[in-house]
């Protein structure tokens, strides 16, 4: 699985010490992760490790072993089941101590708190701002569903009997707003039904539409669908780039220095530019190229 991960068309990977590893295999898994990080070959992807939750006996040894053994090859640590800002501060302080002791750059390793229960959601604003190391908030859907006693066994599907609206909307928006207010990314958690690609598209499409930055995948078969979901449609990308070009020209001296102008039948202004920057940024990050280009009236 580690070897396969190196070649996948993903932006980030994480090597897991938590749910994917049986208790008796934790120590061996730490050493295997240190070896995999130091071997390299990750092609510029963000390199992450998910340690165990702080209510277990494994967390401190996870952090010490991995960071002392391969801290120079590690970009972020995913901390699961974060229910308090104190969890993040503990990890921040521990990382700082290890970095100083081993000569690593202090503060380079980021933290990705995973919100997986009701307490974490209540404290999400404080969690998002608990440390300058926080790089993203990650939604953990399965544990969250269990924590609130939701009557469903399928992650992301509407629970039986809930026939109006979206049972997950508040949770997702709460995490998203906290992330945006703190200036960090919001990442959706995994979809467990690996062979149900249409279900993945339905659930992932919801968080992509809200504005989440990405989604975890559990299997190579999910990669293409998630990459497609979190990239703009071609027509939206082209339109966003055209808004940016048109707005830049219309606000220039050559275009009349106007703060508002027409692009076809659409009025564009500074707010339009800000919205277009979001879509264009996602398209550029996905390596998209334009198929339609706006030109100034005199061209």
C-alpha atoms as a PDB file:
ATOM      1  CA  UNK A   1       0.000   0.000   0.000  1.00  0.00           C
ATOM      2  CA  UNK A   2       2.842   2.396   0.810  1.00  0.00           C
ATOM      3  CA  UNK A   3       4.558   1.687  -2.503  1.00  0.00           C
ATOM      4  CA  UNK A   4       1.291   2.155  -4.391  1.00  0.00           C
ATOM      5  CA  UNK A   5       0.590   5.469  -2.640  1.00  0.00           C
ATOM      6  CA  UNK A   6       3.768   6.982  -4.057  1.00  0.00           C
ATOM      7  CA  UNK A   7       2.434   6.825  -7.601  1.00  0.00           C
ATOM      8  CA  UNK A   8      -1.127   8.027  -7.099  1.00  0.00           C
ATOM      9  CA  UNK A   9      -2.394  11.317  -8.561  1.00  0.00           C
ATOM     10  CA  UNK A  10      -3.089  12.852  -5.160  1.00  0.00           C
ATOM     11  CA  UNK A  11      -1.904  16.064  -3.506  1.00  0.00           C
ATOM     12  CA  UNK A  12      -1.224  14.553  -0.096  1.00  0.00           C
ATOM     13  CA  UNK A  13      -0.936  11.174   1.552  1.00  0.00           C
ATOM     14  CA  UNK A  14      -0.940  10.151   5.192  1.00  0.00           C
ATOM     15  CA  UNK A  15       0.569   7.048   6.720  1.00  0.00           C
ATOM     16  CA  UNK A  16      -1.735   5.845   9.470  1.00  0.00           C
ATOM     17  CA  UNK A  17      -0.970   4.787  13.031  1.00  0.00           C
ATOM     18  CA  UNK A  18      -4.543   5.048  14.261  1.00  0.00           C
ATOM     19  CA  UNK A  19      -7.622   3.144  13.110  1.00  0.00           C
ATOM     20  CA  UNK A  20      -5.870   1.204  10.340  1.00  0.00           C
ATOM     21  CA  UNK A  21      -3.354  -0.353  12.764  1.00  0.00           C
ATOM     22  CA  UNK A  22      -4.178  -3.027  15.342  1.00  0.00           C
ATOM     23  CA  UNK A  23      -2.980  -2.338  18.917  1.00  0.00           C
ATOM     24  CA  UNK A  24      -0.374  -5.100  18.810  1.00  0.00           C
ATOM     25  CA  UNK A  25       1.101  -3.686  15.579  1.00  0.00           C
ATOM     26  CA  UNK A  26       1.513  -0.030  16.657  1.00  0.00           C
ATOM     27  CA  UNK A  27       5.229  -0.218  17.489  1.00  0.00           C
ATOM     28  CA  UNK A  28       6.140  -2.005  14.252  1.00  0.00           C
ATOM     29  CA  UNK A  29       4.031   0.457  12.264  1.00  0.00           C
ATOM     30  CA  UNK A  30       5.969   3.419  13.670  1.00  0.00           C
ATOM     31  CA  UNK A  31       9.253   1.966  12.446  1.00  0.00           C
ATOM     32  CA  UNK A  32       7.757   1.117   9.071  1.00  0.00           C
ATOM     33  CA  UNK A  33       6.522   4.695   8.664  1.00  0.00           C
ATOM     34  CA  UNK A  34       9.904   6.157   9.585  1.00  0.00           C
ATOM     35  CA  UNK A  35      11.507   3.941   6.945  1.00  0.00           C
ATOM     36  CA  UNK A  36       8.947   4.859   4.286  1.00  0.00           C
ATOM     37  CA  UNK A  37       9.375   8.596   4.892  1.00  0.00           C
ATOM     38  CA  UNK A  38      13.152   8.403   4.783  1.00  0.00           C
ATOM     39  CA  UNK A  39      13.107   6.322   1.603  1.00  0.00           C
ATOM     40  CA  UNK A  40      11.498   9.250  -0.214  1.00  0.00           C
ATOM     41  CA  UNK A  41      10.005   8.941  -3.666  1.00  0.00           C
ATOM     42  CA  UNK A  42       6.857  10.890  -2.815  1.00  0.00           C
ATOM     43  CA  UNK A  43       7.138  13.232  -5.793  1.00  0.00           C
ATOM     44  CA  UNK A  44       6.478  16.517  -4.037  1.00  0.00           C
ATOM     45  CA  UNK A  45       3.287  15.356  -2.328  1.00  0.00           C
ATOM     46  CA  UNK A  46       2.486  16.612   1.160  1.00  0.00           C
ATOM     47  CA  UNK A  47       3.824  13.985   3.571  1.00  0.00           C
ATOM     48  CA  UNK A  48       1.669  13.329   6.626  1.00  0.00           C
ATOM     49  CA  UNK A  49       1.283  10.836   9.454  1.00  0.00           C
ATOM     50  CA  UNK A  50      -1.846  10.278  11.494  1.00  0.00           C
ATOM     51  CA  UNK A  51      -0.941   9.472  15.078  1.00  0.00           C
ATOM     52  CA  UNK A  52      -3.247   7.985  17.684  1.00  0.00           C
ATOM     53  CA  UNK A  53      -5.733  10.067  19.667  1.00  0.00           C
ATOM     54  CA  UNK A  54      -4.677  11.660  22.935  1.00  0.00           C
ATOM     55  CA  UNK A  55      -7.013   9.478  24.976  1.00  0.00           C
ATOM     56  CA  UNK A  56      -4.777   6.473  24.182  1.00  0.00           C
ATOM     57  CA  UNK A  57      -1.426   5.338  25.551  1.00  0.00           C
ATOM     58  CA  UNK A  58       0.257   5.451  22.127  1.00  0.00           C
ATOM     59  CA  UNK A  59       0.239   9.098  21.087  1.00  0.00           C
ATOM     60  CA  UNK A  60       3.379  10.447  22.732  1.00  0.00           C
ATOM     61  CA  UNK A  61       5.482   7.549  21.459  1.00  0.00           C
ATOM     62  CA  UNK A  62       3.981   7.949  17.968  1.00  0.00           C
ATOM     63  CA  UNK A  63       5.084  11.589  17.856  1.00  0.00           C
ATOM     64  CA  UNK A  64       8.539  11.036  19.369  1.00  0.00           C
ATOM     65  CA  UNK A  65       9.430   8.036  17.204  1.00  0.00           C
ATOM     66  CA  UNK A  66       8.204   9.477  13.912  1.00  0.00           C
ATOM     67  CA  UNK A  67       9.514  13.032  14.330  1.00  0.00           C
ATOM     68  CA  UNK A  68      12.866  12.016  15.793  1.00  0.00           C
ATOM     69  CA  UNK A  69      13.267   9.368  13.111  1.00  0.00           C
ATOM     70  CA  UNK A  70      11.978  11.209  10.041  1.00  0.00           C
ATOM     71  CA  UNK A  71      10.985  14.755  10.998  1.00  0.00           C
ATOM     72  CA  UNK A  72      12.928  16.261   8.119  1.00  0.00           C
ATOM     73  CA  UNK A  73      10.754  14.223   5.717  1.00  0.00           C
ATOM     74  CA  UNK A  74       7.425  15.074   7.361  1.00  0.00           C
ATOM     75  CA  UNK A  75       5.121  17.985   6.502  1.00  0.00           C
ATOM     76  CA  UNK A  76       2.130  17.563   8.825  1.00  0.00           C
ATOM     77  CA  UNK A  77       0.755  15.411  11.611  1.00  0.00           C
ATOM     78  CA  UNK A  78      -2.932  14.527  11.581  1.00  0.00           C
ATOM     79  CA  UNK A  79      -4.207  14.481  15.170  1.00  0.00           C
ATOM     80  CA  UNK A  80      -7.479  12.540  15.410  1.00  0.00           C
ATOM     81  CA  UNK A  81     -10.430  13.004  17.757  1.00  0.00           C
ATOM     82  CA  UNK A  82      -9.499  16.525  18.782  1.00  0.00           C
ATOM     83  CA  UNK A  83     -12.104  17.777  21.246  1.00  0.00           C
ATOM     84  CA  UNK A  84     -10.183  20.673  22.785  1.00  0.00           C
ATOM     85  CA  UNK A  85      -7.667  23.319  21.796  1.00  0.00           C
ATOM     86  CA  UNK A  86      -5.446  21.866  24.535  1.00  0.00           C
ATOM     87  CA  UNK A  87      -4.912  18.783  22.363  1.00  0.00           C
ATOM     88  CA  UNK A  88      -3.426  20.958  19.642  1.00  0.00           C
ATOM     89  CA  UNK A  89      -1.316  22.925  22.103  1.00  0.00           C
ATOM     90  CA  UNK A  90       0.086  19.693  23.539  1.00  0.00           C
ATOM     91  CA  UNK A  91       1.168  18.544  20.090  1.00  0.00           C
ATOM     92  CA  UNK A  92       2.589  21.970  19.248  1.00  0.00           C
ATOM     93  CA  UNK A  93       4.711  22.015  22.416  1.00  0.00           C
ATOM     94  CA  UNK A  94       5.865  18.427  21.935  1.00  0.00           C
ATOM     95  CA  UNK A  95       6.870  19.096  18.330  1.00  0.00           C
ATOM     96  CA  UNK A  96       8.757  22.218  19.372  1.00  0.00           C
ATOM     97  CA  UNK A  97      10.718  20.285  21.982  1.00  0.00           C
ATOM     98  CA  UNK A  98      11.646  17.537  19.524  1.00  0.00           C
ATOM     99  CA  UNK A  99      12.566  20.031  16.802  1.00  0.00           C
ATOM    100  CA  UNK A 100      14.879  21.910  19.141  1.00  0.00           C
ATOM    101  CA  UNK A 101      16.457  18.713  20.446  1.00  0.00           C
ATOM    102  CA  UNK A 102      17.114  17.301  16.975  1.00  0.00           C
ATOM    103  CA  UNK A 103      18.063  20.486  15.116  1.00  0.00           C
ATOM    104  CA  UNK A 104      14.932  20.597  12.954  1.00  0.00           C
ATOM    105  CA  UNK A 105      13.415  23.916  11.891  1.00  0.00           C
ATOM    106  CA  UNK A 106      11.027  24.913  14.661  1.00  0.00           C
ATOM    107  CA  UNK A 107       7.449  25.257  13.486  1.00  0.00           C
ATOM    108  CA  UNK A 108       7.842  23.695  10.043  1.00  0.00           C
ATOM    109  CA  UNK A 109       5.749  20.597  10.782  1.00  0.00           C
ATOM    110  CA  UNK A 110       2.068  21.449  10.558  1.00  0.00           C
ATOM    111  CA  UNK A 111      -0.894  20.078  12.492  1.00  0.00           C
ATOM    112  CA  UNK A 112      -4.203  18.888  11.021  1.00  0.00           C
ATOM    113  CA  UNK A 113      -6.787  18.457  13.806  1.00  0.00           C
ATOM    114  CA  UNK A 114      -9.503  15.965  12.977  1.00  0.00           C
ATOM    115  CA  UNK A 115     -12.986  16.925  14.224  1.00  0.00           C
ATOM    116  CA  UNK A 116     -14.760  13.688  15.100  1.00  0.00           C
ATOM    117  CA  UNK A 117     -17.204  14.317  17.930  1.00  0.00           C
ATOM    118  CA  UNK A 118     -19.701  16.804  19.310  1.00  0.00           C
ATOM    119  CA  UNK A 119     -17.197  18.325  21.763  1.00  0.00           C
ATOM    120  CA  UNK A 120     -14.746  18.976  18.945  1.00  0.00           C
ATOM    121  CA  UNK A 121     -17.406  20.687  16.875  1.00  0.00           C
ATOM    122  CA  UNK A 122     -18.398  22.931  19.786  1.00  0.00           C
ATOM    123  CA  UNK A 123     -14.740  23.936  20.258  1.00  0.00           C
ATOM    124  CA  UNK A 124     -13.828  24.081  16.562  1.00  0.00           C
ATOM    125  CA  UNK A 125     -13.064  27.820  16.487  1.00  0.00           C
ATOM    126  CA  UNK A 126     -10.594  27.516  19.358  1.00  0.00           C
ATOM    127  CA  UNK A 127      -9.091  24.379  17.811  1.00  0.00           C
ATOM    128  CA  UNK A 128      -8.555  26.105  14.462  1.00  0.00           C
ATOM    129  CA  UNK A 129      -6.639  28.957  16.107  1.00  0.00           C
ATOM    130  CA  UNK A 130      -4.847  26.990  18.844  1.00  0.00           C
ATOM    131  CA  UNK A 131      -1.472  27.046  17.077  1.00  0.00           C
ATOM    132  CA  UNK A 132       0.197  28.678  14.072  1.00  0.00           C
ATOM    133  CA  UNK A 133       0.989  25.130  12.989  1.00  0.00           C
ATOM    134  CA  UNK A 134      -2.676  24.345  12.209  1.00  0.00           C
ATOM    135  CA  UNK A 135      -2.852  23.873   8.443  1.00  0.00           C
ATOM    136  CA  UNK A 136      -6.278  22.267   7.987  1.00  0.00           C
ATOM    137  CA  UNK A 137      -9.356  21.052   9.804  1.00  0.00           C
ATOM    138  CA  UNK A 138     -10.334  17.512   8.832  1.00  0.00           C
ATOM    139  CA  UNK A 139     -13.854  16.152   9.251  1.00  0.00           C
ATOM    140  CA  UNK A 140     -14.036  12.595  10.584  1.00  0.00           C
ATOM    141  CA  UNK A 141     -17.519  11.487   9.522  1.00  0.00           C
ATOM    142  CA  UNK A 142     -17.795   7.946  10.908  1.00  0.00           C
ATOM    143  CA  UNK A 143     -16.703   8.736  14.460  1.00  0.00           C
ATOM    144  CA  UNK A 144     -18.747  11.940  14.393  1.00  0.00           C
ATOM    145  CA  UNK A 145     -21.885  10.070  13.386  1.00  0.00           C
ATOM    146  CA  UNK A 146     -21.324   7.623  16.242  1.00  0.00           C
ATOM    147  CA  UNK A 147     -20.660  10.431  18.736  1.00  0.00           C
ATOM    148  CA  UNK A 148     -24.072  12.007  18.166  1.00  0.00           C
ATOM    149  CA  UNK A 149     -25.942   8.658  17.980  1.00  0.00           C
ATOM    150  CA  UNK A 150     -26.942   9.152  14.341  1.00  0.00           C
ATOM    151  CA  UNK A 151     -29.065   6.264  13.098  1.00  0.00           C
ATOM    152  CA  UNK A 152     -27.035   5.287  10.059  1.00  0.00           C
ATOM    153  CA  UNK A 153     -24.324   2.759   9.250  1.00  0.00           C
ATOM    154  CA  UNK A 154     -23.341   4.289   5.898  1.00  0.00           C
ATOM    155  CA  UNK A 155     -20.979   7.245   6.144  1.00  0.00           C
ATOM    156  CA  UNK A 156     -22.378  10.389   4.548  1.00  0.00           C
ATOM    157  CA  UNK A 157     -25.776   8.972   3.596  1.00  0.00           C
ATOM    158  CA  UNK A 158     -28.882  10.581   5.010  1.00  0.00           C
ATOM    159  CA  UNK A 159     -30.079   8.609   8.047  1.00  0.00           C
ATOM    160  CA  UNK A 160     -33.326   6.663   7.594  1.00  0.00           C
ATOM    161  CA  UNK A 161     -36.261   8.835   8.560  1.00  0.00           C
ATOM    162  CA  UNK A 162     -34.500  12.126   7.810  1.00  0.00           C
ATOM    163  CA  UNK A 163     -36.359  13.054   4.649  1.00  0.00           C
ATOM    164  CA  UNK A 164     -36.078  16.860   4.628  1.00  0.00           C
ATOM    165  CA  UNK A 165     -32.850  18.758   4.080  1.00  0.00           C
ATOM    166  CA  UNK A 166     -29.312  17.520   4.798  1.00  0.00           C
ATOM    167  CA  UNK A 167     -28.510  15.954   8.171  1.00  0.00           C
ATOM    168  CA  UNK A 168     -24.834  16.915   7.777  1.00  0.00           C
ATOM    169  CA  UNK A 169     -25.189  20.523   6.674  1.00  0.00           C
ATOM    170  CA  UNK A 170     -24.671  22.149  10.075  1.00  0.00           C
ATOM    171  CA  UNK A 171     -21.614  20.038  10.886  1.00  0.00           C
ATOM    172  CA  UNK A 172     -19.961  20.654   7.531  1.00  0.00           C
ATOM    173  CA  UNK A 173     -20.661  24.375   7.510  1.00  0.00           C
ATOM    174  CA  UNK A 174     -19.493  24.760  11.096  1.00  0.00           C
ATOM    175  CA  UNK A 175     -16.116  23.212  10.240  1.00  0.00           C
ATOM    176  CA  UNK A 176     -15.855  25.163   6.988  1.00  0.00           C
ATOM    177  CA  UNK A 177     -16.598  28.532   8.587  1.00  0.00           C
ATOM    178  CA  UNK A 178     -14.098  27.892  11.396  1.00  0.00           C
ATOM    179  CA  UNK A 179     -11.440  26.949   8.854  1.00  0.00           C
ATOM    180  CA  UNK A 180     -12.051  29.980   6.663  1.00  0.00           C
ATOM    181  CA  UNK A 181     -12.090  32.359   9.637  1.00  0.00           C
ATOM    182  CA  UNK A 182      -8.717  30.941  10.734  1.00  0.00           C
ATOM    183  CA  UNK A 183      -7.274  30.976   7.217  1.00  0.00           C
ATOM    184  CA  UNK A 184      -6.741  27.211   7.021  1.00  0.00           C
ATOM    185  CA  UNK A 185      -8.046  24.489   4.735  1.00  0.00           C
ATOM    186  CA  UNK A 186     -11.163  22.378   5.303  1.00  0.00           C
ATOM    187  CA  UNK A 187     -10.851  18.720   4.308  1.00  0.00           C
ATOM    188  CA  UNK A 188     -13.685  16.194   4.111  1.00  0.00           C
ATOM    189  CA  UNK A 189     -13.097  12.729   5.527  1.00  0.00           C
ATOM    190  CA  UNK A 190     -13.350   9.366   3.771  1.00  0.00           C
ATOM    191  CA  UNK A 191     -16.221   7.583   2.084  1.00  0.00           C
ATOM    192  CA  UNK A 192     -16.055   3.981   3.275  1.00  0.00           C
ATOM    193  CA  UNK A 193     -18.066   2.243   0.543  1.00  0.00           C
ATOM    194  CA  UNK A 194     -15.071   1.846  -1.738  1.00  0.00           C
ATOM    195  CA  UNK A 195     -16.857   0.240  -4.695  1.00  0.00           C
ATOM    196  CA  UNK A 196     -19.765   2.707  -4.648  1.00  0.00           C
ATOM    197  CA  UNK A 197     -18.272   5.451  -6.818  1.00  0.00           C
ATOM    198  CA  UNK A 198     -21.662   7.060  -7.435  1.00  0.00           C
ATOM    199  CA  UNK A 199     -22.227   7.288  -3.690  1.00  0.00           C
ATOM    200  CA  UNK A 200     -18.798   8.868  -3.360  1.00  0.00           C
ATOM    201  CA  UNK A 201     -19.700  11.412  -6.024  1.00  0.00           C
ATOM    202  CA  UNK A 202     -22.957  12.260  -4.276  1.00  0.00           C
ATOM    203  CA  UNK A 203     -21.398  12.685  -0.827  1.00  0.00           C
ATOM    204  CA  UNK A 204     -18.169  14.316  -2.051  1.00  0.00           C
ATOM    205  CA  UNK A 205     -20.063  16.613  -4.389  1.00  0.00           C
ATOM    206  CA  UNK A 206     -21.888  18.058  -1.411  1.00  0.00           C
ATOM    207  CA  UNK A 207     -18.726  19.143   0.393  1.00  0.00           C
ATOM    208  CA  UNK A 208     -17.059  20.299  -2.825  1.00  0.00           C
ATOM    209  CA  UNK A 209     -20.080  22.510  -3.546  1.00  0.00           C
ATOM    210  CA  UNK A 210     -19.892  24.068  -0.080  1.00  0.00           C
ATOM    211  CA  UNK A 211     -16.256  25.023  -0.626  1.00  0.00           C
ATOM    212  CA  UNK A 212     -14.197  22.320   1.087  1.00  0.00           C
ATOM    213  CA  UNK A 213     -10.672  22.078  -0.277  1.00  0.00           C
ATOM    214  CA  UNK A 214     -10.438  18.322  -0.688  1.00  0.00           C
ATOM    215  CA  UNK A 215     -11.477  14.888   0.490  1.00  0.00           C
ATOM    216  CA  UNK A 216      -9.655  11.837   1.793  1.00  0.00           C
ATOM    217  CA  UNK A 217      -9.628   8.722  -0.356  1.00  0.00           C
ATOM    218  CA  UNK A 218      -9.170   5.172   0.920  1.00  0.00           C
ATOM    219  CA  UNK A 219      -8.477   3.385  -2.352  1.00  0.00           C
ATOM    220  CA  UNK A 220      -6.956   4.178  -5.758  1.00  0.00           C
ATOM    221  CA  UNK A 221     -10.385   3.631  -7.315  1.00  0.00           C
ATOM    222  CA  UNK A 222     -11.631   6.785  -5.557  1.00  0.00           C
ATOM    223  CA  UNK A 223      -8.867   9.136  -6.721  1.00  0.00           C
ATOM    224  CA  UNK A 224     -10.183  10.143 -10.141  1.00  0.00           C
ATOM    225  CA  UNK A 225     -13.690  10.846  -8.876  1.00  0.00           C
ATOM    226  CA  UNK A 226     -12.472  13.051  -6.025  1.00  0.00           C
ATOM    227  CA  UNK A 227     -10.019  14.938  -8.240  1.00  0.00           C
ATOM    228  CA  UNK A 228     -12.863  15.638 -10.642  1.00  0.00           C
ATOM    229  CA  UNK A 229     -15.279  16.697  -7.885  1.00  0.00           C
ATOM    230  CA  UNK A 230     -12.895  19.193  -6.335  1.00  0.00           C
ATOM    231  CA  UNK A 231     -11.768  20.711  -9.620  1.00  0.00           C
ATOM    232  CA  UNK A 232     -13.992  23.278 -11.388  1.00  0.00           C
ATOM    233  CA  UNK A 233     -16.002  22.357 -14.441  1.00  0.00           C
ATOM    234  CA  UNK A 234     -14.237  23.503 -17.589  1.00  0.00           C
ATOM    235  CA  UNK A 235     -16.888  26.106 -18.393  1.00  0.00           C
ATOM    236  CA  UNK A 236     -16.706  27.513 -14.856  1.00  0.00           C
ATOM    237  CA  UNK A 237     -12.923  27.703 -14.987  1.00  0.00           C
ATOM    238  CA  UNK A 238     -12.992  29.475 -18.358  1.00  0.00           C
ATOM    239  CA  UNK A 239     -15.622  31.909 -17.106  1.00  0.00           C
ATOM    240  CA  UNK A 240     -13.640  32.690 -13.964  1.00  0.00           C
ATOM    241  CA  UNK A 241     -10.489  33.444 -15.950  1.00  0.00           C
ATOM    242  CA  UNK A 242     -12.500  35.638 -18.329  1.00  0.00           C
ATOM    243  CA  UNK A 243     -13.955  37.587 -15.397  1.00  0.00           C
ATOM    244  CA  UNK A 244     -10.445  38.230 -14.114  1.00  0.00           C
ATOM    245  CA  UNK A 245      -9.197  39.362 -17.518  1.00  0.00           C
ATOM    246  CA  UNK A 246     -12.220  41.569 -18.185  1.00  0.00           C
ATOM    247  CA  UNK A 247     -12.178  43.156 -14.749  1.00  0.00           C
ATOM    248  CA  UNK A 248      -8.463  43.920 -14.988  1.00  0.00           C
ATOM    249  CA  UNK A 249      -8.969  45.635 -18.343  1.00  0.00           C
ATOM    250  CA  UNK A 250     -12.108  47.587 -17.396  1.00  0.00           C
ATOM    251  CA  UNK A 251     -10.461  48.941 -14.227  1.00  0.00           C
ATOM    252  CA  UNK A 252      -7.372  50.055 -16.148  1.00  0.00           C
ATOM    253  CA  UNK A 253      -6.916  53.412 -17.858  1.00  0.00           C
ATOM    254  CA  UNK A 254      -7.323  51.762 -21.256  1.00  0.00           C
ATOM    255  CA  UNK A 255     -10.646  50.267 -20.193  1.00  0.00           C
ATOM    256  CA  UNK A 256     -11.998  53.476 -18.725  1.00  0.00           C
ATOM    257  CA  UNK A 257     -11.024  52.899 -15.068  1.00  0.00           C
ATOM    258  CA  UNK A 258     -14.489  51.591 -14.268  1.00  0.00           C
ATOM    259  CA  UNK A 259     -15.220  49.743 -11.012  1.00  0.00           C
ATOM    260  CA  UNK A 260     -18.171  47.912 -12.546  1.00  0.00           C
ATOM    261  CA  UNK A 261     -18.613  46.731 -16.118  1.00  0.00           C
ATOM    262  CA  UNK A 262     -20.495  44.251 -18.258  1.00  0.00           C
ATOM    263  CA  UNK A 263     -19.182  40.886 -19.351  1.00  0.00           C
ATOM    264  CA  UNK A 264     -21.799  39.786 -21.828  1.00  0.00           C
ATOM    265  CA  UNK A 265     -25.072  39.991 -19.904  1.00  0.00           C
ATOM    266  CA  UNK A 266     -23.350  39.870 -16.509  1.00  0.00           C
ATOM    267  CA  UNK A 267     -22.283  42.820 -14.371  1.00  0.00           C
ATOM    268  CA  UNK A 268     -18.851  42.283 -12.834  1.00  0.00           C
ATOM    269  CA  UNK A 269     -17.189  44.215 -10.014  1.00  0.00           C
ATOM    270  CA  UNK A 270     -14.717  43.663  -7.169  1.00  0.00           C
ATOM    271  CA  UNK A 271     -16.939  41.013  -5.566  1.00  0.00           C
ATOM    272  CA  UNK A 272     -17.070  39.167  -8.888  1.00  0.00           C
ATOM    273  CA  UNK A 273     -13.283  39.264  -9.034  1.00  0.00           C
ATOM    274  CA  UNK A 274     -12.995  37.696  -5.576  1.00  0.00           C
ATOM    275  CA  UNK A 275     -15.366  34.864  -6.481  1.00  0.00           C
ATOM    276  CA  UNK A 276     -13.538  34.300  -9.759  1.00  0.00           C
ATOM    277  CA  UNK A 277     -10.190  34.106  -7.966  1.00  0.00           C
ATOM    278  CA  UNK A 278     -11.471  31.123  -5.978  1.00  0.00           C
ATOM    279  CA  UNK A 279     -12.573  29.151  -9.036  1.00  0.00           C
ATOM    280  CA  UNK A 280      -9.555  30.130 -11.114  1.00  0.00           C
ATOM    281  CA  UNK A 281      -7.225  29.192  -8.257  1.00  0.00           C
ATOM    282  CA  UNK A 282      -8.738  25.735  -7.974  1.00  0.00           C
ATOM    283  CA  UNK A 283      -8.498  25.245 -11.731  1.00  0.00           C
ATOM    284  CA  UNK A 284      -4.874  26.347 -11.877  1.00  0.00           C
ATOM    285  CA  UNK A 285      -4.015  24.049  -8.977  1.00  0.00           C
ATOM    286  CA  UNK A 286      -5.618  21.190 -10.894  1.00  0.00           C
ATOM    287  CA  UNK A 287      -3.516  21.992 -13.981  1.00  0.00           C
ATOM    288  CA  UNK A 288      -6.484  23.037 -16.111  1.00  0.00           C
ATOM    289  CA  UNK A 289      -6.003  24.999 -19.330  1.00  0.00           C
ATOM    290  CA  UNK A 290      -8.407  27.495 -20.867  1.00  0.00           C
ATOM    291  CA  UNK A 291     -10.613  26.641 -23.821  1.00  0.00           C
ATOM    292  CA  UNK A 292     -12.179  30.107 -24.101  1.00  0.00           C
ATOM    293  CA  UNK A 293     -10.526  33.522 -23.739  1.00  0.00           C
ATOM    294  CA  UNK A 294     -12.055  37.011 -23.395  1.00  0.00           C
ATOM    295  CA  UNK A 295     -10.478  39.823 -25.432  1.00  0.00           C
ATOM    296  CA  UNK A 296     -10.873  43.583 -24.945  1.00  0.00           C
ATOM    297  CA  UNK A 297     -13.432  45.315 -27.207  1.00  0.00           C
ATOM    298  CA  UNK A 298     -10.815  47.104 -29.281  1.00  0.00           C
ATOM    299  CA  UNK A 299      -8.774  43.944 -29.968  1.00  0.00           C
END
